[in-house]
Amino acid sequence: MKGRCEVILIIIYPDRFTVTGHAGHDPPAHDIVCAGVSTLVQTFVASMEALTDAKVNSNLSSGRATVKYGNPSERVKLLADSFLIGMRGIAGAYPGCVQVAEVLVDIVPKP
C-alpha cells in the first residue's frame, strides 16, 4: 500500500473548510498522513471553541469533515491561517496523498 495514495482533498473557503477522502498511504489505523490531517482538523475545532467566541459548526466523520465558522474575526483568521499552513505542510510532504485548494471568494450564495 505504501507509495500508492488515494487523495485527501481540503477545500478552504473564507468562512469554512471541507476535508474529504483517505490518504491510503498505509493501512487503516496506521496511516500517518490521515492521522496528521485528522489531528489538524480536530485541533482547529478545539482551538476555535476554546480560544474564540466564534460559533463553530463541525461535522467530523471518517473520511469527511466540514467546519463552518462564519464571519471570521482576526483571532479566527489567525487560527485558520495556522490550519492552512499545517495542511500545506502535509500536502508538501505527501503531494500524491493530500491536495489543498483555496477558494478566495465564496461563490455559493448564502441562504
Protein backbone atom coordinates (compact mmCIF):
# COMPACT_ATOMS: atom_id res chain seq x y z
CA MET A 1 0.00 0.00 0.00
CA LYS A 2 2.85 2.42 0.73
CA GLY A 3 3.67 4.75 -2.13
CA ARG A 4 0.27 4.44 -3.86
CA CYS A 5 -2.00 7.03 -2.32
CA GLU A 6 -5.62 7.88 -2.67
CA VAL A 7 -6.26 11.60 -2.17
CA ILE A 8 -7.42 13.72 0.73
CA LEU A 9 -8.87 16.93 -0.67
CA ILE A 10 -9.01 20.01 1.55
CA ILE A 11 -11.06 22.93 0.21
CA ILE A 12 -10.74 26.14 2.18
CA TYR A 13 -13.31 28.94 1.83
CA PRO A 14 -13.28 32.31 3.62
CA ASP A 15 -15.68 31.06 6.32
CA ARG A 16 -15.36 27.26 6.29
CA PHE A 17 -13.46 24.26 5.01
CA THR A 18 -14.16 20.71 3.91
CA VAL A 19 -11.91 17.67 4.04
CA THR A 20 -12.80 14.55 2.07
CA GLY A 21 -11.11 11.26 1.32
CA HIS A 22 -8.47 8.98 2.72
CA ALA A 23 -4.76 9.07 2.02
CA GLY A 24 -4.30 5.33 1.65
CA HIS A 25 -0.59 5.82 2.39
CA ASP A 26 -0.64 2.98 4.92
CA PRO A 27 -3.28 0.52 6.17
CA PRO A 28 -6.21 2.00 8.14
CA ALA A 29 -5.33 2.83 11.77
CA HIS A 30 -1.65 3.06 10.77
CA ASP A 31 -1.84 5.83 8.17
CA ILE A 32 0.36 8.72 9.30
CA VAL A 33 -0.99 11.03 6.59
CA CYS A 34 -4.64 10.54 7.63
CA ALA A 35 -3.61 10.88 11.27
CA GLY A 36 -1.86 14.18 10.60
CA VAL A 37 -4.81 15.65 8.69
CA SER A 38 -7.30 14.44 11.31
CA THR A 39 -5.20 15.89 14.12
CA LEU A 40 -5.05 19.31 12.48
CA VAL A 41 -8.81 19.34 11.88
CA GLN A 42 -9.62 18.31 15.45
CA THR A 43 -7.10 20.78 16.90
CA PHE A 44 -8.57 23.59 14.79
CA VAL A 45 -12.10 22.88 16.06
CA ALA A 46 -10.94 22.59 19.69
CA SER A 47 -8.90 25.81 19.40
CA MET A 48 -11.82 27.69 17.87
CA GLU A 49 -14.09 26.59 20.70
CA ALA A 50 -11.54 27.31 23.45
CA LEU A 51 -9.91 30.49 22.16
CA THR A 52 -12.62 32.42 20.29
CA ASP A 53 -16.21 33.49 20.65
CA ALA A 54 -16.99 32.32 17.12
CA LYS A 55 -19.85 29.92 16.60
CA VAL A 56 -18.31 26.76 15.16
CA ASN A 57 -20.41 24.19 13.37
CA SER A 58 -18.47 21.00 12.70
CA ASN A 59 -19.36 17.62 11.32
CA LEU A 60 -16.49 15.15 11.60
CA SER A 61 -16.59 11.54 10.44
CA SER A 62 -14.28 9.02 8.84
CA GLY A 63 -13.09 10.41 5.52
CA ARG A 64 -15.12 13.61 5.79
CA ALA A 65 -15.08 16.84 7.77
CA THR A 66 -17.00 20.06 7.36
CA VAL A 67 -16.20 23.00 9.61
CA LYS A 68 -18.07 26.32 9.37
CA TYR A 69 -17.09 29.36 11.40
CA GLY A 70 -18.98 32.28 9.85
CA ASN A 71 -17.62 35.79 9.56
CA PRO A 72 -14.09 35.40 10.95
CA SER A 73 -12.56 37.79 13.47
CA GLU A 74 -8.82 38.47 13.46
CA ARG A 75 -8.28 35.67 16.01
CA VAL A 76 -10.30 33.23 13.90
CA LYS A 77 -8.32 34.25 10.80
CA LEU A 78 -5.08 33.57 12.67
CA LEU A 79 -6.24 30.06 13.62
CA ALA A 80 -7.47 29.44 10.07
CA ASP A 81 -4.13 30.61 8.65
CA SER A 82 -2.29 28.29 11.05
CA PHE A 83 -4.53 25.40 9.95
CA LEU A 84 -3.79 26.19 6.29
CA ILE A 85 -0.03 26.30 6.94
CA GLY A 86 -0.22 22.87 8.60
CA MET A 87 -2.26 21.38 5.75
CA ARG A 88 0.12 22.83 3.16
CA GLY A 89 2.99 21.25 5.08
CA ILE A 90 1.37 17.82 4.93
CA ALA A 91 0.48 18.31 1.25
CA GLY A 92 4.09 19.31 0.54
CA ALA A 93 5.43 16.22 2.28
CA TYR A 94 2.87 13.87 0.69
CA PRO A 95 1.85 15.55 -2.60
CA GLY A 96 0.29 12.39 -4.02
CA CYS A 97 -1.89 11.95 -0.94
CA VAL A 98 -3.10 15.45 0.01
CA GLN A 99 -4.31 18.37 -2.11
CA VAL A 100 -5.24 21.80 -0.75
CA ALA A 101 -7.45 24.22 -2.68
CA GLU A 102 -8.32 27.73 -1.57
CA VAL A 103 -11.48 29.45 -2.74
CA LEU A 104 -10.81 33.11 -2.05
CA VAL A 105 -14.28 34.35 -3.00
CA ASP A 106 -17.33 32.47 -1.83
CA ILE A 107 -19.27 31.59 -4.98
CA VAL A 108 -22.11 29.81 -3.18
CA PRO A 109 -24.94 32.19 -2.23
CA LYS A 110 -25.77 32.32 1.47
CA PRO A 111 -29.33 31.34 2.42
